[in-house]
Amino acid sequence: MSANPSPIQPIEFKGRMILVSILRLHPAEPVALQEALEARMHEAPDLMRDMPVVVDMDAMADTPAQDLLSALETVRQHGLKLIGLLYSEVSAPLADRTGLPLIVLGPRAGGEVPLRPAPKPPIESAPQETSEAAPVPPVQAVHTPSLVVNQPVRSGQQVYARGGDLIITGAVSAGAEVLADGHIHVYGPLRGKALAGVRGLDSARIFCRRLDAELVSIAGHYRIAEDILDTERGDNRLITLSGETIRILEI
C-alpha cells in the first residue's frame, strides 16, 4: 500500500435530473407492436435511439406472461433502453424474470404534487386580560419565488427551477434544456427542450414568444419536434396538457 493514500474517495454520489420516458404498452398483436415502434424510430431516430424508458404494463393485465416477456424483448430490439418496470400487479411477477427493477413513481394525474406546502396557521393562545388590546400584525401572503434567468440559455446548458416557475428573458437555444416544477415563461425563441411540471403538476403551462422547440413536456407527457405541426409553430404560443394530450395554442 502507498504511504500517502489519495484523498479522493473511490465513489461519489452526485444529484442530477435526467429525462426518462414512460412507455405504456397496450394489448396488441406482435406485428402491430413492431410496426408502431418502427414508425416511432423512423420519425425521430436520434431521439428514440438509446432512449431510457420505464415500461408501464398495467393495461396488459389479461396478457399471458410469456407474451409480456416477448413484448419487452421487442422493445429492446428496437434500440430503447429499458431501465425498469412501472410497479403494478402485472409487472411485479416479471421483475425477477427480466432482471429489471420495479419503479414506483410519485403522484400523477388526479394527485398533483404541490409546488410548496402552505405554512400551518399559527396556534392561537388563550386570550389574556389586558388593559389595552395589542395590535394584530397583518398576515403576509405566502410567496413562492420564481427563478429568473436574465440571459440566453445556450446549447448544452440546463436550467431547473425547483419548487416554482422558471422565467427566461432571452432565448433557449437548440440543445439547451429548461425545466421547472411549475410554469415556464420564455420571452424569446424556444428552440431547445422545455419541461414544465416535472414533478407531476398537470396544470403547468409553457409560454413562449416563439415556438420552434425540439421537445415540449408537461408532467411527463411530451411532444417532439416531429410531432409539432407547422401550423402550431410560430409567435406567442401557449402549451398546455389536456388529459394526456399536449395542446399548442396561439395567444
C-alpha atoms as a PDB file:
ATOM      1  CA  MET A   1       0.000   0.000   0.000  1.00  0.00           C
ATOM      2  CA  SER A   2       1.054   3.583  -0.584  1.00  0.00           C
ATOM      3  CA  ALA A   3       2.263   5.504   2.441  1.00  0.00           C
ATOM      4  CA  ASN A   4       0.307   8.548   1.276  1.00  0.00           C
ATOM      5  CA  PRO A   5      -3.186   7.388   0.371  1.00  0.00           C
ATOM      6  CA  SER A   6      -5.080   9.556  -2.096  1.00  0.00           C
ATOM      7  CA  PRO A   7      -7.698  11.890  -0.561  1.00  0.00           C
ATOM      8  CA  ILE A   8     -10.008  11.126  -3.491  1.00  0.00           C
ATOM      9  CA  GLN A   9     -12.847   8.806  -2.476  1.00  0.00           C
ATOM     10  CA  PRO A  10     -13.479   5.754  -4.672  1.00  0.00           C
ATOM     11  CA  ILE A  11     -17.160   6.636  -5.133  1.00  0.00           C
ATOM     12  CA  GLU A  12     -19.156   9.846  -5.262  1.00  0.00           C
ATOM     13  CA  PHE A  13     -22.905  10.423  -5.446  1.00  0.00           C
ATOM     14  CA  LYS A  14     -23.985  13.442  -7.458  1.00  0.00           C
ATOM     15  CA  GLY A  15     -27.535  14.677  -7.943  1.00  0.00           C
ATOM     16  CA  ARG A  16     -28.698  15.399 -11.467  1.00  0.00           C
ATOM     17  CA  MET A  17     -32.036  15.230 -13.231  1.00  0.00           C
ATOM     18  CA  ILE A  18     -32.424  13.080 -16.310  1.00  0.00           C
ATOM     19  CA  LEU A  19     -35.394  12.768 -18.624  1.00  0.00           C
ATOM     20  CA  VAL A  20     -36.922   9.295 -18.523  1.00  0.00           C
ATOM     21  CA  SER A  21     -39.946   8.462 -20.645  1.00  0.00           C
ATOM     22  CA  ILE A  22     -42.795   6.168 -19.661  1.00  0.00           C
ATOM     23  CA  LEU A  23     -43.526   3.652 -22.410  1.00  0.00           C
ATOM     24  CA  ARG A  24     -47.106   2.462 -21.952  1.00  0.00           C
ATOM     25  CA  LEU A  25     -47.866  -0.828 -23.676  1.00  0.00           C
ATOM     26  CA  HIS A  26     -51.389  -1.766 -24.750  1.00  0.00           C
ATOM     27  CA  PRO A  27     -52.665  -5.181 -25.836  1.00  0.00           C
ATOM     28  CA  ALA A  28     -51.697  -5.656 -29.478  1.00  0.00           C
ATOM     29  CA  GLU A  29     -50.510  -8.315 -31.874  1.00  0.00           C
ATOM     30  CA  PRO A  30     -46.705  -8.667 -32.056  1.00  0.00           C
ATOM     31  CA  VAL A  31     -46.683  -7.388 -35.620  1.00  0.00           C
ATOM     32  CA  ALA A  32     -48.652  -4.262 -34.634  1.00  0.00           C
ATOM     33  CA  LEU A  33     -46.211  -3.560 -31.798  1.00  0.00           C
ATOM     34  CA  GLN A  34     -43.237  -3.896 -34.125  1.00  0.00           C
ATOM     35  CA  GLU A  35     -44.819  -1.591 -36.697  1.00  0.00           C
ATOM     36  CA  ALA A  36     -45.619   1.035 -34.055  1.00  0.00           C
ATOM     37  CA  LEU A  37     -42.048   1.003 -32.719  1.00  0.00           C
ATOM     38  CA  GLU A  38     -40.570   1.147 -36.214  1.00  0.00           C
ATOM     39  CA  ALA A  39     -42.780   4.113 -37.082  1.00  0.00           C
ATOM     40  CA  ARG A  40     -41.626   5.986 -33.983  1.00  0.00           C
ATOM     41  CA  MET A  41     -37.985   5.203 -34.710  1.00  0.00           C
ATOM     42  CA  HIS A  42     -38.424   6.458 -38.255  1.00  0.00           C
ATOM     43  CA  GLU A  43     -39.996   9.734 -37.079  1.00  0.00           C
ATOM     44  CA  ALA A  44     -37.225  10.619 -34.638  1.00  0.00           C
ATOM     45  CA  PRO A  45     -34.289   8.194 -34.872  1.00  0.00           C
ATOM     46  CA  ASP A  46     -31.818  10.385 -32.964  1.00  0.00           C
ATOM     47  CA  LEU A  47     -34.224  10.924 -30.077  1.00  0.00           C
ATOM     48  CA  MET A  48     -35.528   7.362 -29.847  1.00  0.00           C
ATOM     49  CA  ARG A  49     -32.192   5.570 -30.195  1.00  0.00           C
ATOM     50  CA  ASP A  50     -30.936   4.561 -26.713  1.00  0.00           C
ATOM     51  CA  MET A  51     -33.799   6.489 -25.056  1.00  0.00           C
ATOM     52  CA  PRO A  52     -34.139   5.393 -21.400  1.00  0.00           C
ATOM     53  CA  VAL A  53     -37.666   4.200 -20.681  1.00  0.00           C
ATOM     54  CA  VAL A  54     -39.710   2.776 -17.823  1.00  0.00           C
ATOM     55  CA  VAL A  55     -42.305   0.342 -19.178  1.00  0.00           C
ATOM     56  CA  ASP A  56     -45.911   0.622 -17.976  1.00  0.00           C
ATOM     57  CA  MET A  57     -47.708  -2.700 -18.490  1.00  0.00           C
ATOM     58  CA  ASP A  58     -50.778  -2.039 -16.360  1.00  0.00           C
ATOM     59  CA  ALA A  59     -53.093  -2.098 -19.406  1.00  0.00           C
ATOM     60  CA  MET A  60     -51.977  -5.666 -20.258  1.00  0.00           C
ATOM     61  CA  ALA A  61     -53.450  -7.419 -17.223  1.00  0.00           C
ATOM     62  CA  ASP A  62     -55.110 -10.119 -19.342  1.00  0.00           C
ATOM     63  CA  THR A  63     -51.995 -10.864 -21.426  1.00  0.00           C
ATOM     64  CA  PRO A  64     -50.103 -14.129 -20.724  1.00  0.00           C
ATOM     65  CA  ALA A  65     -46.725 -13.722 -19.038  1.00  0.00           C
ATOM     66  CA  GLN A  66     -44.820 -15.170 -21.984  1.00  0.00           C
ATOM     67  CA  ASP A  67     -46.395 -12.617 -24.318  1.00  0.00           C
ATOM     68  CA  LEU A  68     -45.419  -9.840 -21.911  1.00  0.00           C
ATOM     69  CA  LEU A  69     -41.822 -11.023 -21.955  1.00  0.00           C
ATOM     70  CA  SER A  70     -41.897 -11.141 -25.745  1.00  0.00           C
ATOM     71  CA  ALA A  71     -43.210  -7.579 -25.871  1.00  0.00           C
ATOM     72  CA  LEU A  72     -40.356  -6.376 -23.652  1.00  0.00           C
ATOM     73  CA  GLU A  73     -37.830  -8.120 -25.870  1.00  0.00           C
ATOM     74  CA  THR A  74     -39.359  -6.439 -28.925  1.00  0.00           C
ATOM     75  CA  VAL A  75     -38.929  -3.062 -27.260  1.00  0.00           C
ATOM     76  CA  ARG A  76     -35.273  -3.863 -26.523  1.00  0.00           C
ATOM     77  CA  GLN A  77     -34.628  -4.941 -30.103  1.00  0.00           C
ATOM     78  CA  HIS A  78     -35.748  -1.526 -31.363  1.00  0.00           C
ATOM     79  CA  GLY A  79     -32.992   0.291 -29.503  1.00  0.00           C
ATOM     80  CA  LEU A  80     -34.809   1.586 -26.433  1.00  0.00           C
ATOM     81  CA  LYS A  81     -33.008   1.204 -23.108  1.00  0.00           C
ATOM     82  CA  LEU A  82     -35.226  -0.437 -20.503  1.00  0.00           C
ATOM     83  CA  ILE A  83     -34.259   0.839 -17.055  1.00  0.00           C
ATOM     84  CA  GLY A  84     -37.217  -0.591 -15.158  1.00  0.00           C
ATOM     85  CA  LEU A  85     -40.862  -1.619 -14.976  1.00  0.00           C
ATOM     86  CA  LEU A  86     -43.515   0.673 -13.565  1.00  0.00           C
ATOM     87  CA  TYR A  87     -44.773  -1.100 -10.463  1.00  0.00           C
ATOM     88  CA  SER A  88     -48.161  -2.788 -10.830  1.00  0.00           C
ATOM     89  CA  GLU A  89     -49.760  -6.187 -10.238  1.00  0.00           C
ATOM     90  CA  VAL A  90     -48.914  -7.009 -13.850  1.00  0.00           C
ATOM     91  CA  SER A  91     -45.228  -6.071 -13.767  1.00  0.00           C
ATOM     92  CA  ALA A  92     -44.322  -7.323 -10.271  1.00  0.00           C
ATOM     93  CA  PRO A  93     -44.136 -11.048 -11.208  1.00  0.00           C
ATOM     94  CA  LEU A  94     -41.886 -10.199 -14.189  1.00  0.00           C
ATOM     95  CA  ALA A  95     -39.171  -8.357 -12.270  1.00  0.00           C
ATOM     96  CA  ASP A  96     -37.109 -11.440 -11.394  1.00  0.00           C
ATOM     97  CA  ARG A  97     -37.522 -12.977 -14.834  1.00  0.00           C
ATOM     98  CA  THR A  98     -36.411  -9.856 -16.677  1.00  0.00           C
ATOM     99  CA  GLY A  99     -33.784  -8.576 -14.257  1.00  0.00           C
ATOM    100  CA  LEU A 100     -35.459  -5.158 -14.354  1.00  0.00           C
ATOM    101  CA  PRO A 101     -36.186  -3.203 -11.168  1.00  0.00           C
ATOM    102  CA  LEU A 102     -39.693  -2.147 -10.206  1.00  0.00           C
ATOM    103  CA  ILE A 103     -40.085   1.631 -10.264  1.00  0.00           C
ATOM    104  CA  VAL A 104     -42.588   3.380  -8.006  1.00  0.00           C
ATOM    105  CA  LEU A 105     -43.374   6.899  -9.166  1.00  0.00           C
ATOM    106  CA  GLY A 106     -44.954   9.757  -7.235  1.00  0.00           C
ATOM    107  CA  PRO A 107     -48.474  11.143  -7.702  1.00  0.00           C
ATOM    108  CA  ARG A 108     -49.627  11.604 -11.262  1.00  0.00           C
ATOM    109  CA  ALA A 109     -52.888  12.736 -12.792  1.00  0.00           C
ATOM    110  CA  GLY A 110     -55.509  13.323 -10.143  1.00  0.00           C
ATOM    111  CA  GLY A 111     -52.841  13.688  -7.474  1.00  0.00           C
ATOM    112  CA  GLU A 112     -50.704  16.680  -8.335  1.00  0.00           C
ATOM    113  CA  VAL A 113     -47.602  17.414  -6.336  1.00  0.00           C
ATOM    114  CA  PRO A 114     -47.941  20.907  -4.826  1.00  0.00           C
ATOM    115  CA  LEU A 115     -45.127  23.290  -5.607  1.00  0.00           C
ATOM    116  CA  ARG A 116     -44.657  24.126  -1.946  1.00  0.00           C
ATOM    117  CA  PRO A 117     -46.763  23.297   1.089  1.00  0.00           C
ATOM    118  CA  ALA A 118     -48.597  26.201   2.636  1.00  0.00           C
ATOM    119  CA  PRO A 119     -47.366  27.025   6.129  1.00  0.00           C
ATOM    120  CA  LYS A 120     -49.519  25.841   9.011  1.00  0.00           C
ATOM    121  CA  PRO A 121     -51.604  28.563  10.629  1.00  0.00           C
ATOM    122  CA  PRO A 122     -50.234  29.719  13.976  1.00  0.00           C
ATOM    123  CA  ILE A 123     -51.861  28.259  17.068  1.00  0.00           C
ATOM    124  CA  GLU A 124     -53.736  30.944  18.885  1.00  0.00           C
ATOM    125  CA  SER A 125     -53.022  31.184  22.596  1.00  0.00           C
ATOM    126  CA  ALA A 126     -55.765  31.684  25.138  1.00  0.00           C
ATOM    127  CA  PRO A 127     -56.759  35.341  25.473  1.00  0.00           C
ATOM    128  CA  GLN A 128     -55.346  37.178  28.447  1.00  0.00           C
ATOM    129  CA  GLU A 129     -56.863  40.069  30.251  1.00  0.00           C
ATOM    130  CA  THR A 130     -55.039  43.263  29.358  1.00  0.00           C
ATOM    131  CA  SER A 131     -55.855  46.877  29.806  1.00  0.00           C
ATOM    132  CA  GLU A 132     -55.414  47.541  26.090  1.00  0.00           C
ATOM    133  CA  ALA A 133     -55.769  45.181  23.148  1.00  0.00           C
ATOM    134  CA  ALA A 134     -52.413  44.623  21.417  1.00  0.00           C
ATOM    135  CA  PRO A 135     -52.432  45.463  17.676  1.00  0.00           C
ATOM    136  CA  VAL A 136     -52.567  42.397  15.435  1.00  0.00           C
ATOM    137  CA  PRO A 137     -49.883  42.498  12.714  1.00  0.00           C
ATOM    138  CA  PRO A 138     -51.145  41.825   9.163  1.00  0.00           C
ATOM    139  CA  VAL A 139     -50.646  38.313   7.832  1.00  0.00           C
ATOM    140  CA  GLN A 140     -48.236  38.291   4.901  1.00  0.00           C
ATOM    141  CA  ALA A 141     -49.194  36.386   1.773  1.00  0.00           C
ATOM    142  CA  VAL A 142     -47.216  33.225   1.032  1.00  0.00           C
ATOM    143  CA  HIS A 143     -44.926  33.799  -1.950  1.00  0.00           C
ATOM    144  CA  THR A 144     -43.178  31.081  -3.926  1.00  0.00           C
ATOM    145  CA  PRO A 145     -40.190  32.703  -5.623  1.00  0.00           C
ATOM    146  CA  SER A 146     -39.637  32.119  -9.317  1.00  0.00           C
ATOM    147  CA  LEU A 147     -36.247  31.555 -10.906  1.00  0.00           C
ATOM    148  CA  VAL A 148     -35.499  34.410 -13.310  1.00  0.00           C
ATOM    149  CA  VAL A 149     -32.741  33.966 -15.905  1.00  0.00           C
ATOM    150  CA  ASN A 150     -31.695  37.258 -17.495  1.00  0.00           C
ATOM    151  CA  GLN A 151     -29.536  35.778 -20.220  1.00  0.00           C
ATOM    152  CA  PRO A 152     -29.905  33.296 -23.085  1.00  0.00           C
ATOM    153  CA  VAL A 153     -29.750  29.585 -22.289  1.00  0.00           C
ATOM    154  CA  ARG A 154     -27.203  28.187 -24.706  1.00  0.00           C
ATOM    155  CA  SER A 155     -26.727  24.736 -26.225  1.00  0.00           C
ATOM    156  CA  GLY A 156     -25.595  22.183 -23.649  1.00  0.00           C
ATOM    157  CA  GLN A 157     -26.872  24.186 -20.682  1.00  0.00           C
ATOM    158  CA  GLN A 158     -29.625  23.014 -18.319  1.00  0.00           C
ATOM    159  CA  VAL A 159     -31.672  25.245 -16.015  1.00  0.00           C
ATOM    160  CA  TYR A 160     -34.077  23.820 -13.423  1.00  0.00           C
ATOM    161  CA  ALA A 161     -36.482  25.824 -11.250  1.00  0.00           C
ATOM    162  CA  ARG A 162     -37.103  23.582  -8.263  1.00  0.00           C
ATOM    163  CA  GLY A 163     -40.376  24.219  -6.469  1.00  0.00           C
ATOM    164  CA  GLY A 164     -41.541  27.117  -8.630  1.00  0.00           C
ATOM    165  CA  ASP A 165     -41.776  28.767 -12.040  1.00  0.00           C
ATOM    166  CA  LEU A 166     -38.972  29.493 -14.487  1.00  0.00           C
ATOM    167  CA  ILE A 167     -38.801  32.841 -16.299  1.00  0.00           C
ATOM    168  CA  ILE A 168     -36.255  33.301 -19.079  1.00  0.00           C
ATOM    169  CA  THR A 169     -35.971  36.771 -20.587  1.00  0.00           C
ATOM    170  CA  GLY A 170     -33.871  35.617 -23.559  1.00  0.00           C
ATOM    171  CA  ALA A 171     -33.769  32.731 -25.995  1.00  0.00           C
ATOM    172  CA  VAL A 172     -33.418  28.996 -25.357  1.00  0.00           C
ATOM    173  CA  SER A 173     -31.050  27.633 -27.986  1.00  0.00           C
ATOM    174  CA  ALA A 174     -31.249  24.255 -29.687  1.00  0.00           C
ATOM    175  CA  GLY A 175     -29.520  21.696 -27.477  1.00  0.00           C
ATOM    176  CA  ALA A 176     -30.439  23.546 -24.269  1.00  0.00           C
ATOM    177  CA  GLU A 177     -32.857  22.199 -21.663  1.00  0.00           C
ATOM    178  CA  VAL A 178     -35.070  24.172 -19.283  1.00  0.00           C
ATOM    179  CA  LEU A 179     -37.137  22.518 -16.543  1.00  0.00           C
ATOM    180  CA  ALA A 180     -39.490  23.701 -13.818  1.00  0.00           C
ATOM    181  CA  ASP A 181     -41.771  22.197 -11.196  1.00  0.00           C
ATOM    182  CA  GLY A 182     -44.237  24.936 -12.173  1.00  0.00           C
ATOM    183  CA  HIS A 183     -44.741  27.037 -15.304  1.00  0.00           C
ATOM    184  CA  ILE A 184     -42.108  28.050 -17.846  1.00  0.00           C
ATOM    185  CA  HIS A 185     -42.053  31.506 -19.458  1.00  0.00           C
ATOM    186  CA  VAL A 186     -39.656  32.142 -22.337  1.00  0.00           C
ATOM    187  CA  TYR A 187     -39.682  35.748 -23.589  1.00  0.00           C
ATOM    188  CA  GLY A 188     -37.603  34.821 -26.606  1.00  0.00           C
ATOM    189  CA  PRO A 189     -37.444  31.980 -29.143  1.00  0.00           C
ATOM    190  CA  LEU A 190     -37.758  28.485 -27.677  1.00  0.00           C
ATOM    191  CA  ARG A 191     -35.591  26.164 -29.783  1.00  0.00           C
ATOM    192  CA  GLY A 192     -34.402  23.634 -27.202  1.00  0.00           C
ATOM    193  CA  LYS A 193     -36.315  21.421 -24.762  1.00  0.00           C
ATOM    194  CA  ALA A 194     -38.822  22.773 -22.233  1.00  0.00           C
ATOM    195  CA  LEU A 195     -40.222  20.543 -19.491  1.00  0.00           C
ATOM    196  CA  ALA A 196     -42.801  22.046 -17.127  1.00  0.00           C
ATOM    197  CA  GLY A 197     -44.466  20.370 -14.154  1.00  0.00           C
ATOM    198  CA  VAL A 198     -41.655  17.847 -13.923  1.00  0.00           C
ATOM    199  CA  ARG A 199     -42.884  16.597 -10.515  1.00  0.00           C
ATOM    200  CA  GLY A 200     -46.361  15.815 -11.836  1.00  0.00           C
ATOM    201  CA  LEU A 201     -48.140  19.203 -11.914  1.00  0.00           C
ATOM    202  CA  ASP A 202     -50.655  18.627 -14.720  1.00  0.00           C
ATOM    203  CA  SER A 203     -51.818  22.266 -14.689  1.00  0.00           C
ATOM    204  CA  ALA A 204     -48.340  23.595 -15.516  1.00  0.00           C
ATOM    205  CA  ARG A 205     -48.026  25.624 -18.707  1.00  0.00           C
ATOM    206  CA  ILE A 206     -45.319  26.754 -21.106  1.00  0.00           C
ATOM    207  CA  PHE A 207     -45.431  30.268 -22.558  1.00  0.00           C
ATOM    208  CA  CYS A 208     -43.018  31.345 -25.280  1.00  0.00           C
ATOM    209  CA  ARG A 209     -42.514  34.296 -27.607  1.00  0.00           C
ATOM    210  CA  ARG A 210     -41.751  31.954 -30.498  1.00  0.00           C
ATOM    211  CA  LEU A 211     -42.072  28.166 -30.618  1.00  0.00           C
ATOM    212  CA  ASP A 212     -39.508  26.145 -32.570  1.00  0.00           C
ATOM    213  CA  ALA A 213     -38.732  23.566 -29.889  1.00  0.00           C
ATOM    214  CA  GLU A 214     -37.023  20.192 -30.025  1.00  0.00           C
ATOM    215  CA  LEU A 215     -39.341  18.927 -27.290  1.00  0.00           C
ATOM    216  CA  VAL A 216     -42.075  20.293 -25.031  1.00  0.00           C
ATOM    217  CA  SER A 217     -43.289  18.369 -22.000  1.00  0.00           C
ATOM    218  CA  ILE A 218     -45.788  18.827 -19.182  1.00  0.00           C
ATOM    219  CA  ALA A 219     -45.972  16.395 -16.251  1.00  0.00           C
ATOM    220  CA  GLY A 220     -44.126  13.722 -18.226  1.00  0.00           C
ATOM    221  CA  HIS A 221     -46.291  13.948 -21.349  1.00  0.00           C
ATOM    222  CA  TYR A 222     -44.355  15.310 -24.304  1.00  0.00           C
ATOM    223  CA  ARG A 223     -44.256  16.080 -27.995  1.00  0.00           C
ATOM    224  CA  ILE A 224     -41.062  16.041 -30.017  1.00  0.00           C
ATOM    225  CA  ALA A 225     -40.231  18.356 -32.904  1.00  0.00           C
ATOM    226  CA  GLU A 226     -41.511  15.884 -35.497  1.00  0.00           C
ATOM    227  CA  ASP A 227     -44.915  15.817 -33.758  1.00  0.00           C
ATOM    228  CA  ILE A 228     -45.343  19.605 -33.748  1.00  0.00           C
ATOM    229  CA  LEU A 229     -47.233  20.787 -36.824  1.00  0.00           C
ATOM    230  CA  ASP A 230     -46.059  23.742 -38.873  1.00  0.00           C
ATOM    231  CA  THR A 231     -49.337  25.471 -38.064  1.00  0.00           C
ATOM    232  CA  GLU A 232     -48.600  25.102 -34.342  1.00  0.00           C
ATOM    233  CA  ARG A 233     -45.209  26.752 -34.624  1.00  0.00           C
ATOM    234  CA  GLY A 234     -44.877  30.494 -34.610  1.00  0.00           C
ATOM    235  CA  ASP A 235     -45.094  33.519 -32.359  1.00  0.00           C
ATOM    236  CA  ASN A 236     -46.811  33.801 -28.987  1.00  0.00           C
ATOM    237  CA  ARG A 237     -47.580  30.189 -28.140  1.00  0.00           C
ATOM    238  CA  LEU A 238     -49.117  28.520 -25.081  1.00  0.00           C
ATOM    239  CA  ILE A 239     -48.547  24.827 -24.360  1.00  0.00           C
ATOM    240  CA  THR A 240     -50.963  23.032 -22.013  1.00  0.00           C
ATOM    241  CA  LEU A 241     -51.861  19.481 -21.031  1.00  0.00           C
ATOM    242  CA  SER A 242     -55.415  18.254 -21.584  1.00  0.00           C
ATOM    243  CA  GLY A 243     -55.824  14.736 -20.230  1.00  0.00           C
ATOM    244  CA  GLU A 244     -52.808  13.050 -21.778  1.00  0.00           C
ATOM    245  CA  THR A 245     -52.606  15.321 -24.831  1.00  0.00           C
ATOM    246  CA  ILE A 246     -50.178  18.213 -25.263  1.00  0.00           C
ATOM    247  CA  ARG A 247     -52.023  21.149 -26.852  1.00  0.00           C
ATOM    248  CA  ILE A 248     -50.357  24.139 -28.505  1.00  0.00           C
ATOM    249  CA  LEU A 249     -52.383  27.335 -28.828  1.00  0.00           C
ATOM    250  CA  GLU A 250     -51.752  30.830 -30.127  1.00  0.00           C
ATOM    251  CA  ILE A 251     -52.128  33.628 -27.583  1.00  0.00           C
END
